[in-house]
Amino acid sequence: MTRADPTTNEHERNGRESDAVDAVDAAAVERYAVPPGATAYECPRCGRPFAHERHRDLHLGQSHGDLTDDERDAYAAARDDETDDLRHFRIVSLGLLVLFYFGFLFLFAIFG
């Protein structure tokens, strides 16, 4: 936390704060910039672009509370798809971890 300089007046401090806000806004615009020719799915509430419709639906359900019935159904479907993808990732990761563990165990038993 920084303290305000007592030698500056309120107008000068607000001007600097405004410049900081403008810099943050410019960074956000750059962060969410969509390349030319790319398809973007924009949030109808905040305008944030997403590369996939499912990502937009998840954003709507988690960041905005006032959903229509169709948006709520799309969020539930996207959440179910995301849960299935995460479950698949966890199973594959566990399988690879077990495979590496026993692979190194056998290599150690044979060559160690």
PDB file of N, CA and C in Angstrom:
ATOM      1  N   MET A   1       0.843  -1.175   0.000  1.00  0.00           N
ATOM      2  CA  MET A   1       0.000   0.000   0.000  1.00  0.00           C
ATOM      3  C   MET A   1       0.886   1.235   0.000  1.00  0.00           C
ATOM      4  N   THR A   2       0.558   2.164  -0.844  1.00  0.00           N
ATOM      5  CA  THR A   2       1.341   3.395  -0.903  1.00  0.00           C
ATOM      6  C   THR A   2       0.522   4.530  -0.326  1.00  0.00           C
ATOM      7  N   ARG A   3       1.212   5.453   0.310  1.00  0.00           N
ATOM      8  CA  ARG A   3       0.543   6.636   0.848  1.00  0.00           C
ATOM      9  C   ARG A   3       0.605   7.755  -0.175  1.00  0.00           C
ATOM     10  N   ALA A   4      -0.407   8.584  -0.148  1.00  0.00           N
ATOM     11  CA  ALA A   4      -0.434   9.727  -1.065  1.00  0.00           C
ATOM     12  C   ALA A   4       0.604  10.751  -0.630  1.00  0.00           C
ATOM     13  N   ASP A   5       1.236  11.356  -1.593  1.00  0.00           N
ATOM     14  CA  ASP A   5       2.223  12.401  -1.325  1.00  0.00           C
ATOM     15  C   ASP A   5       1.470  13.647  -0.867  1.00  0.00           C
ATOM     16  N   PRO A   6       1.774  14.173   0.341  1.00  0.00           N
ATOM     17  CA  PRO A   6       1.016  15.330   0.838  1.00  0.00           C
ATOM     18  C   PRO A   6       1.270  16.606   0.046  1.00  0.00           C
ATOM     19  N   THR A   7       2.319  16.630  -0.758  1.00  0.00           N
ATOM     20  CA  THR A   7       2.616  17.852  -1.515  1.00  0.00           C
ATOM     21  C   THR A   7       1.825  17.931  -2.814  1.00  0.00           C
ATOM     22  N   THR A   8       1.170  16.855  -3.220  1.00  0.00           N
ATOM     23  CA  THR A   8       0.377  16.890  -4.454  1.00  0.00           C
ATOM     24  C   THR A   8      -1.079  17.120  -4.104  1.00  0.00           C
ATOM     25  N   ASN A   9      -1.787  17.745  -5.007  1.00  0.00           N
ATOM     26  CA  ASN A   9      -3.197  17.978  -4.743  1.00  0.00           C
ATOM     27  C   ASN A   9      -4.036  16.806  -5.260  1.00  0.00           C
ATOM     28  N   GLU A  10      -5.296  16.838  -4.929  1.00  0.00           N
ATOM     29  CA  GLU A  10      -6.205  15.738  -5.279  1.00  0.00           C
ATOM     30  C   GLU A  10      -6.296  15.539  -6.786  1.00  0.00           C
ATOM     31  N   HIS A  11      -6.307  16.615  -7.558  1.00  0.00           N
ATOM     32  CA  HIS A  11      -6.422  16.523  -9.014  1.00  0.00           C
ATOM     33  C   HIS A  11      -5.226  15.797  -9.621  1.00  0.00           C
ATOM     34  N   GLU A  12      -4.025  16.085  -9.133  1.00  0.00           N
ATOM     35  CA  GLU A  12      -2.829  15.419  -9.657  1.00  0.00           C
ATOM     36  C   GLU A  12      -2.850  13.926  -9.342  1.00  0.00           C
ATOM     37  N   ARG A  13      -3.290  13.572  -8.126  1.00  0.00           N
ATOM     38  CA  ARG A  13      -3.367  12.151  -7.756  1.00  0.00           C
ATOM     39  C   ARG A  13      -4.394  11.426  -8.618  1.00  0.00           C
ATOM     40  N   ASN A  14      -5.552  12.041  -8.834  1.00  0.00           N
ATOM     41  CA  ASN A  14      -6.580  11.404  -9.661  1.00  0.00           C
ATOM     42  C   ASN A  14      -6.104  11.236 -11.092  1.00  0.00           C
ATOM     43  N   GLY A  15      -5.335  12.196 -11.597  1.00  0.00           N
ATOM     44  CA  GLY A  15      -4.797  12.082 -12.950  1.00  0.00           C
ATOM     45  C   GLY A  15      -3.878  10.886 -13.084  1.00  0.00           C
ATOM     46  N   ARG A  16      -3.037  10.667 -12.085  1.00  0.00           N
ATOM     47  CA  ARG A  16      -2.128   9.512 -12.125  1.00  0.00           C
ATOM     48  C   ARG A  16      -2.902   8.211 -11.997  1.00  0.00           C
ATOM     49  N   GLU A  17      -3.928   8.190 -11.125  1.00  0.00           N
ATOM     50  CA  GLU A  17      -4.747   6.989 -10.980  1.00  0.00           C
ATOM     51  C   GLU A  17      -5.474   6.692 -12.285  1.00  0.00           C
ATOM     52  N   SER A  18      -5.950   7.742 -12.959  1.00  0.00           N
ATOM     53  CA  SER A  18      -6.624   7.565 -14.241  1.00  0.00           C
ATOM     54  C   SER A  18      -5.674   6.993 -15.276  1.00  0.00           C
ATOM     55  N   ASP A  19      -4.423   7.467 -15.282  1.00  0.00           N
ATOM     56  CA  ASP A  19      -3.429   6.924 -16.212  1.00  0.00           C
ATOM     57  C   ASP A  19      -3.181   5.450 -15.935  1.00  0.00           C
ATOM     58  N   ALA A  20      -3.145   5.080 -14.643  1.00  0.00           N
ATOM     59  CA  ALA A  20      -2.927   3.675 -14.280  1.00  0.00           C
ATOM     60  C   ALA A  20      -4.100   2.820 -14.742  1.00  0.00           C
ATOM     61  N   VAL A  21      -5.313   3.332 -14.588  1.00  0.00           N
ATOM     62  CA  VAL A  21      -6.495   2.594 -15.033  1.00  0.00           C
ATOM     63  C   VAL A  21      -6.479   2.438 -16.549  1.00  0.00           C
ATOM     64  N   ASP A  22      -6.100   3.504 -17.269  1.00  0.00           N
ATOM     65  CA  ASP A  22      -6.011   3.425 -18.729  1.00  0.00           C
ATOM     66  C   ASP A  22      -4.985   2.388 -19.162  1.00  0.00           C
ATOM     67  N   ALA A  23      -3.862   2.299 -18.444  1.00  0.00           N
ATOM     68  CA  ALA A  23      -2.837   1.306 -18.776  1.00  0.00           C
ATOM     69  C   ALA A  23      -3.365  -0.104 -18.552  1.00  0.00           C
ATOM     70  N   VAL A  24      -4.136  -0.301 -17.481  1.00  0.00           N
ATOM     71  CA  VAL A  24      -4.726  -1.616 -17.213  1.00  0.00           C
ATOM     72  C   VAL A  24      -5.741  -1.957 -18.293  1.00  0.00           C
ATOM     73  N   ASP A  25      -6.575  -0.982 -18.684  1.00  0.00           N
ATOM     74  CA  ASP A  25      -7.556  -1.216 -19.744  1.00  0.00           C
ATOM     75  C   ASP A  25      -6.873  -1.566 -21.060  1.00  0.00           C
ATOM     76  N   ALA A  26      -5.787  -0.888 -21.386  1.00  0.00           N
ATOM     77  CA  ALA A  26      -5.054  -1.183 -22.621  1.00  0.00           C
ATOM     78  C   ALA A  26      -4.466  -2.585 -22.571  1.00  0.00           C
ATOM     79  N   ALA A  27      -3.978  -2.993 -21.399  1.00  0.00           N
ATOM     80  CA  ALA A  27      -3.434  -4.349 -21.253  1.00  0.00           C
ATOM     81  C   ALA A  27      -4.542  -5.384 -21.409  1.00  0.00           C
ATOM     82  N   ALA A  28      -5.727  -5.096 -20.882  1.00  0.00           N
ATOM     83  CA  ALA A  28      -6.844  -6.030 -21.013  1.00  0.00           C
ATOM     84  C   ALA A  28      -7.275  -6.154 -22.464  1.00  0.00           C
ATOM     85  N   VAL A  29      -7.307  -5.050 -23.182  1.00  0.00           N
ATOM     86  CA  VAL A  29      -7.675  -5.091 -24.602  1.00  0.00           C
ATOM     87  C   VAL A  29      -6.666  -5.923 -25.371  1.00  0.00           C
ATOM     88  N   GLU A  30      -5.383  -5.734 -25.091  1.00  0.00           N
ATOM     89  CA  GLU A  30      -4.334  -6.511 -25.764  1.00  0.00           C
ATOM     90  C   GLU A  30      -4.450  -7.989 -25.405  1.00  0.00           C
ATOM     91  N   ARG A  31      -4.767  -8.267 -24.149  1.00  0.00           N
ATOM     92  CA  ARG A  31      -4.870  -9.658 -23.684  1.00  0.00           C
ATOM     93  C   ARG A  31      -6.015 -10.391 -24.373  1.00  0.00           C
ATOM     94  N   TYR A  32      -7.113  -9.699 -24.596  1.00  0.00           N
ATOM     95  CA  TYR A  32      -8.289 -10.333 -25.188  1.00  0.00           C
ATOM     96  C   TYR A  32      -8.432 -10.040 -26.673  1.00  0.00           C
ATOM     97  N   ALA A  33      -7.385  -9.569 -27.307  1.00  0.00           N
ATOM     98  CA  ALA A  33      -7.443  -9.257 -28.733  1.00  0.00           C
ATOM     99  C   ALA A  33      -7.636 -10.541 -29.538  1.00  0.00           C
ATOM    100  N   VAL A  34      -8.532 -10.477 -30.504  1.00  0.00           N
ATOM    101  CA  VAL A  34      -8.818 -11.627 -31.359  1.00  0.00           C
ATOM    102  C   VAL A  34      -8.087 -11.426 -32.682  1.00  0.00           C
ATOM    103  N   PRO A  35      -7.319 -12.422 -33.109  1.00  0.00           N
ATOM    104  CA  PRO A  35      -6.615 -12.283 -34.392  1.00  0.00           C
ATOM    105  C   PRO A  35      -7.602 -12.119 -35.544  1.00  0.00           C
ATOM    106  N   PRO A  36      -7.216 -11.388 -36.592  1.00  0.00           N
ATOM    107  CA  PRO A  36      -8.110 -11.211 -37.740  1.00  0.00           C
ATOM    108  C   PRO A  36      -8.449 -12.558 -38.368  1.00  0.00           C
ATOM    109  N   GLY A  37      -9.698 -12.743 -38.685  1.00  0.00           N
ATOM    110  CA  GLY A  37     -10.146 -13.971 -39.331  1.00  0.00           C
ATOM    111  C   GLY A  37     -10.476 -15.091 -38.368  1.00  0.00           C
ATOM    112  N   ALA A  38     -10.200 -14.917 -37.075  1.00  0.00           N
ATOM    113  CA  ALA A  38     -10.490 -15.962 -36.090  1.00  0.00           C
ATOM    114  C   ALA A  38     -11.928 -15.820 -35.607  1.00  0.00           C
ATOM    115  N   THR A  39     -12.550 -16.944 -35.325  1.00  0.00           N
ATOM    116  CA  THR A  39     -13.905 -16.933 -34.796  1.00  0.00           C
ATOM    117  C   THR A  39     -13.837 -16.720 -33.294  1.00  0.00           C
ATOM    118  N   ALA A  40     -14.615 -15.780 -32.799  1.00  0.00           N
ATOM    119  CA  ALA A  40     -14.649 -15.502 -31.365  1.00  0.00           C
ATOM    120  C   ALA A  40     -16.091 -15.581 -30.886  1.00  0.00           C
ATOM    121  N   TYR A  41     -16.272 -16.199 -29.743  1.00  0.00           N
ATOM    122  CA  TYR A  41     -17.579 -16.275 -29.103  1.00  0.00           C
ATOM    123  C   TYR A  41     -17.556 -15.283 -27.950  1.00  0.00           C
ATOM    124  N   GLU A  42     -18.308 -14.184 -28.097  1.00  0.00           N
ATOM    125  CA  GLU A  42     -18.270 -13.118 -27.102  1.00  0.00           C
ATOM    126  C   GLU A  42     -19.318 -13.336 -26.031  1.00  0.00           C
ATOM    127  N   CYS A  43     -18.946 -12.978 -24.812  1.00  0.00           N
ATOM    128  CA  CYS A  43     -19.884 -12.997 -23.700  1.00  0.00           C
ATOM    129  C   CYS A  43     -20.905 -11.883 -23.934  1.00  0.00           C
ATOM    130  N   PRO A  44     -22.200 -12.197 -23.881  1.00  0.00           N
ATOM    131  CA  PRO A  44     -23.201 -11.152 -24.125  1.00  0.00           C
ATOM    132  C   PRO A  44     -23.276 -10.118 -23.003  1.00  0.00           C
ATOM    133  N   ARG A  45     -22.719 -10.415 -21.836  1.00  0.00           N
ATOM    134  CA  ARG A  45     -22.783  -9.492 -20.712  1.00  0.00           C
ATOM    135  C   ARG A  45     -21.569  -8.551 -20.657  1.00  0.00           C
ATOM    136  N   CYS A  46     -20.352  -9.110 -20.771  1.00  0.00           N
ATOM    137  CA  CYS A  46     -19.148  -8.282 -20.604  1.00  0.00           C
ATOM    138  C   CYS A  46     -18.351  -8.120 -21.897  1.00  0.00           C
ATOM    139  N   GLY A  47     -18.690  -8.856 -22.953  1.00  0.00           N
ATOM    140  CA  GLY A  47     -18.022  -8.707 -24.238  1.00  0.00           C
ATOM    141  C   GLY A  47     -16.692  -9.411 -24.363  1.00  0.00           C
ATOM    142  N   ARG A  48     -16.303 -10.188 -23.361  1.00  0.00           N
ATOM    143  CA  ARG A  48     -15.014 -10.888 -23.417  1.00  0.00           C
ATOM    144  C   ARG A  48     -15.077 -11.982 -24.479  1.00  0.00           C
ATOM    145  N   PRO A  49     -14.087 -12.034 -25.368  1.00  0.00           N
ATOM    146  CA  PRO A  49     -14.098 -13.055 -26.425  1.00  0.00           C
ATOM    147  C   PRO A  49     -13.509 -14.382 -25.935  1.00  0.00           C
ATOM    148  N   PHE A  50     -14.035 -15.472 -26.483  1.00  0.00           N
ATOM    149  CA  PHE A  50     -13.549 -16.813 -26.171  1.00  0.00           C
ATOM    150  C   PHE A  50     -13.339 -17.574 -27.465  1.00  0.00           C
ATOM    151  N   ALA A  51     -12.377 -18.483 -27.455  1.00  0.00           N
ATOM    152  CA  ALA A  51     -12.049 -19.253 -28.652  1.00  0.00           C
ATOM    153  C   ALA A  51     -13.073 -20.346 -28.918  1.00  0.00           C
ATOM    154  N   HIS A  52     -13.729 -20.822 -27.862  1.00  0.00           N
ATOM    155  CA  HIS A  52     -14.694 -21.912 -28.011  1.00  0.00           C
ATOM    156  C   HIS A  52     -16.003 -21.537 -27.325  1.00  0.00           C
ATOM    157  N   GLU A  53     -17.079 -22.026 -27.886  1.00  0.00           N
ATOM    158  CA  GLU A  53     -18.395 -21.736 -27.330  1.00  0.00           C
ATOM    159  C   GLU A  53     -18.529 -22.301 -25.918  1.00  0.00           C
ATOM    160  N   ARG A  54     -17.935 -23.470 -25.697  1.00  0.00           N
ATOM    161  CA  ARG A  54     -17.998 -24.103 -24.377  1.00  0.00           C
ATOM    162  C   ARG A  54     -17.322 -23.227 -23.320  1.00  0.00           C
ATOM    163  N   HIS A  55     -16.207 -22.589 -23.680  1.00  0.00           N
ATOM    164  CA  HIS A  55     -15.521 -21.713 -22.730  1.00  0.00           C
ATOM    165  C   HIS A  55     -16.394 -20.512 -22.378  1.00  0.00           C
ATOM    166  N   ARG A  56     -17.094 -19.974 -23.371  1.00  0.00           N
ATOM    167  CA  ARG A  56     -18.000 -18.851 -23.101  1.00  0.00           C
ATOM    168  C   ARG A  56     -19.137 -19.283 -22.182  1.00  0.00           C
ATOM    169  N   ASP A  57     -19.686 -20.479 -22.428  1.00  0.00           N
ATOM    170  CA  ASP A  57     -20.781 -20.973 -21.595  1.00  0.00           C
ATOM    171  C   ASP A  57     -20.330 -21.181 -20.153  1.00  0.00           C
ATOM    172  N   LEU A  58     -19.119 -21.712 -19.968  1.00  0.00           N
ATOM    173  CA  LEU A  58     -18.585 -21.876 -18.616  1.00  0.00           C
ATOM    174  C   LEU A  58     -18.382 -20.519 -17.946  1.00  0.00           C
ATOM    175  N   HIS A  59     -17.880 -19.544 -18.690  1.00  0.00           N
ATOM    176  CA  HIS A  59     -17.682 -18.194 -18.160  1.00  0.00           C
ATOM    177  C   HIS A  59     -19.013 -17.585 -17.729  1.00  0.00           C
ATOM    178  N   LEU A  60     -20.029 -17.730 -18.563  1.00  0.00           N
ATOM    179  CA  LEU A  60     -21.344 -17.175 -18.227  1.00  0.00           C
ATOM    180  C   LEU A  60     -21.860 -17.754 -16.920  1.00  0.00           C
ATOM    181  N   GLY A  61     -21.760 -19.071 -16.770  1.00  0.00           N
ATOM    182  CA  GLY A  61     -22.278 -19.714 -15.570  1.00  0.00           C
ATOM    183  C   GLY A  61     -21.498 -19.373 -14.315  1.00  0.00           C
ATOM    184  N   GLN A  62     -20.210 -19.141 -14.444  1.00  0.00           N
ATOM    185  CA  GLN A  62     -19.390 -18.891 -13.264  1.00  0.00           C
ATOM    186  C   GLN A  62     -19.252 -17.411 -12.931  1.00  0.00           C
ATOM    187  N   SER A  63     -19.336 -16.539 -13.918  1.00  0.00           N
ATOM    188  CA  SER A  63     -19.094 -15.115 -13.674  1.00  0.00           C
ATOM    189  C   SER A  63     -20.351 -14.261 -13.661  1.00  0.00           C
ATOM    190  N   HIS A  64     -21.394 -14.720 -14.279  1.00  0.00           N
ATOM    191  CA  HIS A  64     -22.623 -13.927 -14.368  1.00  0.00           C
ATOM    192  C   HIS A  64     -23.774 -14.762 -13.810  1.00  0.00           C
ATOM    193  N   GLY A  65     -24.512 -14.195 -12.877  1.00  0.00           N
ATOM    194  CA  GLY A  65     -25.554 -14.952 -12.202  1.00  0.00           C
ATOM    195  C   GLY A  65     -26.911 -14.924 -12.882  1.00  0.00           C
ATOM    196  N   ASP A  66     -27.199 -13.917 -13.661  1.00  0.00           N
ATOM    197  CA  ASP A  66     -28.526 -13.751 -14.247  1.00  0.00           C
ATOM    198  C   ASP A  66     -28.617 -14.459 -15.600  1.00  0.00           C
ATOM    199  N   LEU A  67     -28.738 -15.781 -15.569  1.00  0.00           N
ATOM    200  CA  LEU A  67     -28.763 -16.569 -16.802  1.00  0.00           C
ATOM    201  C   LEU A  67     -30.191 -16.872 -17.230  1.00  0.00           C
ATOM    202  N   THR A  68     -30.388 -16.928 -18.537  1.00  0.00           N
ATOM    203  CA  THR A  68     -31.664 -17.390 -19.067  1.00  0.00           C
ATOM    204  C   THR A  68     -31.682 -18.916 -18.986  1.00  0.00           C
ATOM    205  N   ASP A  69     -32.825 -19.508 -19.266  1.00  0.00           N
ATOM    206  CA  ASP A  69     -32.925 -20.969 -19.214  1.00  0.00           C
ATOM    207  C   ASP A  69     -31.998 -21.627 -20.229  1.00  0.00           C
ATOM    208  N   ASP A  70     -31.927 -21.069 -21.439  1.00  0.00           N
ATOM    209  CA  ASP A  70     -31.039 -21.634 -22.464  1.00  0.00           C
ATOM    210  C   ASP A  70     -29.571 -21.526 -22.044  1.00  0.00           C
ATOM    211  N   GLU A  71     -29.205 -20.377 -21.470  1.00  0.00           N
ATOM    212  CA  GLU A  71     -27.822 -20.202 -21.012  1.00  0.00           C
ATOM    213  C   GLU A  71     -27.505 -21.145 -19.859  1.00  0.00           C
ATOM    214  N   ARG A  72     -28.480 -21.347 -18.979  1.00  0.00           N
ATOM    215  CA  ARG A  72     -28.279 -22.267 -17.857  1.00  0.00           C
ATOM    216  C   ARG A  72     -28.096 -23.696 -18.360  1.00  0.00           C
ATOM    217  N   ASP A  73     -28.885 -24.094 -19.364  1.00  0.00           N
ATOM    218  CA  ASP A  73     -28.735 -25.433 -19.952  1.00  0.00           C
ATOM    219  C   ASP A  73     -27.386 -25.582 -20.652  1.00  0.00           C
ATOM    220  N   ALA A  74     -26.961 -24.532 -21.367  1.00  0.00           N
ATOM    221  CA  ALA A  74     -25.656 -24.571 -22.040  1.00  0.00           C
ATOM    222  C   ALA A  74     -24.535 -24.656 -21.014  1.00  0.00           C
ATOM    223  N   TYR A  75     -24.669 -23.950 -19.890  1.00  0.00           N
ATOM    224  CA  TYR A  75     -23.655 -24.016 -18.829  1.00  0.00           C
ATOM    225  C   TYR A  75     -23.595 -25.419 -18.233  1.00  0.00           C
ATOM    226  N   ALA A  76     -24.755 -26.012 -17.974  1.00  0.00           N
ATOM    227  CA  ALA A  76     -24.777 -27.365 -17.403  1.00  0.00           C
ATOM    228  C   ALA A  76     -24.134 -28.369 -18.356  1.00  0.00           C
ATOM    229  N   ALA A  77     -24.424 -28.247 -19.653  1.00  0.00           N
ATOM    230  CA  ALA A  77     -23.821 -29.157 -20.637  1.00  0.00           C
ATOM    231  C   ALA A  77     -22.312 -28.940 -20.720  1.00  0.00           C
ATOM    232  N   ALA A  78     -21.873 -27.691 -20.710  1.00  0.00           N
ATOM    233  CA  ALA A  78     -20.438 -27.393 -20.769  1.00  0.00           C
ATOM    234  C   ALA A  78     -19.737 -27.886 -19.511  1.00  0.00           C
ATOM    235  N   ARG A  79     -20.385 -27.734 -18.365  1.00  0.00           N
ATOM    236  CA  ARG A  79     -19.805 -28.218 -17.109  1.00  0.00           C
ATOM    237  C   ARG A  79     -19.678 -29.736 -17.115  1.00  0.00           C
ATOM    238  N   ASP A  80     -20.694 -30.430 -17.629  1.00  0.00           N
ATOM    239  CA  ASP A  80     -20.628 -31.892 -17.726  1.00  0.00           C
ATOM    240  C   ASP A  80     -19.512 -32.333 -18.666  1.00  0.00           C
ATOM    241  N   ASP A  81     -19.386 -31.655 -19.806  1.00  0.00           N
ATOM    242  CA  ASP A  81     -18.300 -31.976 -20.746  1.00  0.00           C
ATOM    243  C   ASP A  81     -16.935 -31.736 -20.109  1.00  0.00           C
ATOM    244  N   GLU A  82     -16.818 -30.631 -19.387  1.00  0.00           N
ATOM    245  CA  GLU A  82     -15.546 -30.306 -18.730  1.00  0.00           C
ATOM    246  C   GLU A  82     -15.217 -31.343 -17.654  1.00  0.00           C
ATOM    247  N   THR A  83     -16.225 -31.777 -16.908  1.00  0.00           N
ATOM    248  CA  THR A  83     -16.021 -32.804 -15.881  1.00  0.00           C
ATOM    249  C   THR A  83     -15.569 -34.110 -16.512  1.00  0.00           C
ATOM    250  N   ASP A  84     -16.191 -34.489 -17.627  1.00  0.00           N
ATOM    251  CA  ASP A  84     -15.784 -35.711 -18.328  1.00  0.00           C
ATOM    252  C   ASP A  84     -14.351 -35.608 -18.841  1.00  0.00           C
ATOM    253  N   ASP A  85     -13.989 -34.457 -19.399  1.00  0.00           N
ATOM    254  CA  ASP A  85     -12.622 -34.263 -19.895  1.00  0.00           C
ATOM    255  C   ASP A  85     -11.600 -34.339 -18.761  1.00  0.00           C
ATOM    256  N   LEU A  86     -11.928 -33.734 -17.622  1.00  0.00           N
ATOM    257  CA  LEU A  86     -11.013 -33.790 -16.478  1.00  0.00           C
ATOM    258  C   LEU A  86     -10.876 -35.212 -15.939  1.00  0.00           C
ATOM    259  N   ARG A  87     -11.982 -35.942 -15.889  1.00  0.00           N
ATOM    260  CA  ARG A  87     -11.936 -37.334 -15.425  1.00  0.00           C
ATOM    261  C   ARG A  87     -11.063 -38.162 -16.359  1.00  0.00           C
ATOM    262  N   HIS A  88     -11.211 -37.980 -17.661  1.00  0.00           N
ATOM    263  CA  HIS A  88     -10.389 -38.696 -18.642  1.00  0.00           C
ATOM    264  C   HIS A  88      -8.910 -38.342 -18.462  1.00  0.00           C
ATOM    265  N   PHE A  89      -8.612 -37.059 -18.291  1.00  0.00           N
ATOM    266  CA  PHE A  89      -7.234 -36.620 -18.085  1.00  0.00           C
ATOM    267  C   PHE A  89      -6.638 -37.252 -16.829  1.00  0.00           C
ATOM    268  N   ARG A  90      -7.402 -37.296 -15.756  1.00  0.00           N
ATOM    269  CA  ARG A  90      -6.895 -37.879 -14.511  1.00  0.00           C
ATOM    270  C   ARG A  90      -6.621 -39.368 -14.657  1.00  0.00           C
ATOM    271  N   ILE A  91      -7.493 -40.084 -15.341  1.00  0.00           N
ATOM    272  CA  ILE A  91      -7.292 -41.522 -15.535  1.00  0.00           C
ATOM    273  C   ILE A  91      -6.056 -41.777 -16.389  1.00  0.00           C
ATOM    274  N   VAL A  92      -5.912 -41.037 -17.478  1.00  0.00           N
ATOM    275  CA  VAL A  92      -4.740 -41.203 -18.349  1.00  0.00           C
ATOM    276  C   VAL A  92      -3.467 -40.835 -17.587  1.00  0.00           C
ATOM    277  N   SER A  93      -3.495 -39.760 -16.811  1.00  0.00           N
ATOM    278  CA  SER A  93      -2.320 -39.355 -16.035  1.00  0.00           C
ATOM    279  C   SER A  93      -1.944 -40.417 -15.012  1.00  0.00           C
ATOM    280  N   LEU A  94      -2.919 -40.966 -14.335  1.00  0.00           N
ATOM    281  CA  LEU A  94      -2.649 -42.027 -13.363  1.00  0.00           C
ATOM    282  C   LEU A  94      -2.075 -43.256 -14.053  1.00  0.00           C
ATOM    283  N   GLY A  95      -2.632 -43.628 -15.198  1.00  0.00           N
ATOM    284  CA  GLY A  95      -2.115 -44.771 -15.947  1.00  0.00           C
ATOM    285  C   GLY A  95      -0.673 -44.565 -16.372  1.00  0.00           C
ATOM    286  N   LEU A  96      -0.343 -43.383 -16.859  1.00  0.00           N
ATOM    287  CA  LEU A  96       1.043 -43.097 -17.253  1.00  0.00           C
ATOM    288  C   LEU A  96       1.984 -43.103 -16.053  1.00  0.00           C
ATOM    289  N   LEU A  97       1.521 -42.573 -14.936  1.00  0.00           N
ATOM    290  CA  LEU A  97       2.341 -42.578 -13.730  1.00  0.00           C
ATOM    291  C   LEU A  97       2.634 -44.008 -13.271  1.00  0.00           C
ATOM    292  N   VAL A  98       1.629 -44.861 -13.275  1.00  0.00           N
ATOM    293  CA  VAL A  98       1.817 -46.269 -12.900  1.00  0.00           C
ATOM    294  C   VAL A  98       2.743 -46.954 -13.893  1.00  0.00           C
ATOM    295  N   LEU A  99       2.562 -46.694 -15.180  1.00  0.00           N
ATOM    296  CA  LEU A  99       3.418 -47.289 -16.206  1.00  0.00           C
ATOM    297  C   LEU A  99       4.881 -46.888 -16.005  1.00  0.00           C
ATOM    298  N   PHE A 100       5.142 -45.612 -15.779  1.00  0.00           N
ATOM    299  CA  PHE A 100       6.516 -45.165 -15.536  1.00  0.00           C
ATOM    300  C   PHE A 100       7.084 -45.777 -14.258  1.00  0.00           C
ATOM    301  N   TYR A 101       6.277 -45.827 -13.217  1.00  0.00           N
ATOM    302  CA  TYR A 101       6.749 -46.384 -11.948  1.00  0.00           C
ATOM    303  C   TYR A 101       7.186 -47.838 -12.121  1.00  0.00           C
ATOM    304  N   PHE A 102       6.307 -48.660 -12.687  1.00  0.00           N
ATOM    305  CA  PHE A 102       6.657 -50.070 -12.851  1.00  0.00           C
ATOM    306  C   PHE A 102       7.725 -50.263 -13.919  1.00  0.00           C
ATOM    307  N   GLY A 103       7.762 -49.395 -14.927  1.00  0.00           N
ATOM    308  CA  GLY A 103       8.828 -49.469 -15.922  1.00  0.00           C
ATOM    309  C   GLY A 103      10.190 -49.244 -15.290  1.00  0.00           C
ATOM    310  N   PHE A 104      10.302 -48.200 -14.464  1.00  0.00           N
ATOM    311  CA  PHE A 104      11.573 -47.959 -13.776  1.00  0.00           C
ATOM    312  C   PHE A 104      11.877 -49.047 -12.750  1.00  0.00           C
ATOM    313  N   LEU A 105      10.844 -49.579 -12.115  1.00  0.00           N
ATOM    314  CA  LEU A 105      11.046 -50.672 -11.160  1.00  0.00           C
ATOM    315  C   LEU A 105      11.622 -51.899 -11.860  1.00  0.00           C
ATOM    316  N   PHE A 106      11.076 -52.262 -13.013  1.00  0.00           N
ATOM    317  CA  PHE A 106      11.599 -53.409 -13.772  1.00  0.00           C
ATOM    318  C   PHE A 106      13.007 -53.128 -14.292  1.00  0.00           C
ATOM    319  N   LEU A 107      13.256 -51.916 -14.780  1.00  0.00           N
ATOM    320  CA  LEU A 107      14.608 -51.574 -15.235  1.00  0.00           C
ATOM    321  C   LEU A 107      15.617 -51.677 -14.093  1.00  0.00           C
ATOM    322  N   PHE A 108      15.235 -51.225 -12.924  1.00  0.00           N
ATOM    323  CA  PHE A 108      16.126 -51.327 -11.774  1.00  0.00           C
ATOM    324  C   PHE A 108      16.340 -52.788 -11.384  1.00  0.00           C
ATOM    325  N   ALA A 109      15.260 -53.600 -11.444  1.00  0.00           N
ATOM    326  CA  ALA A 109      15.383 -55.017 -11.083  1.00  0.00           C
ATOM    327  C   ALA A 109      16.264 -55.766 -12.080  1.00  0.00           C
ATOM    328  N   ILE A 110      16.195 -55.403 -13.352  1.00  0.00           N
ATOM    329  CA  ILE A 110      16.968 -56.110 -14.378  1.00  0.00           C
ATOM    330  C   ILE A 110      18.411 -55.614 -14.418  1.00  0.00           C
ATOM    331  N   PHE A 111      18.610 -54.289 -14.437  1.00  0.00           N
ATOM    332  CA  PHE A 111      19.952 -53.738 -14.641  1.00  0.00           C
ATOM    333  C   PHE A 111      20.613 -53.251 -13.350  1.00  0.00           C
ATOM    334  N   GLY A 112      19.875 -53.147 -12.275  1.00  0.00           N
ATOM    335  CA  GLY A 112      20.445 -52.582 -11.049  1.00  0.00           C
ATOM    336  C   GLY A 112      20.965 -53.609 -10.182  1.00  0.00           C
TER     337      GLY A 112
END
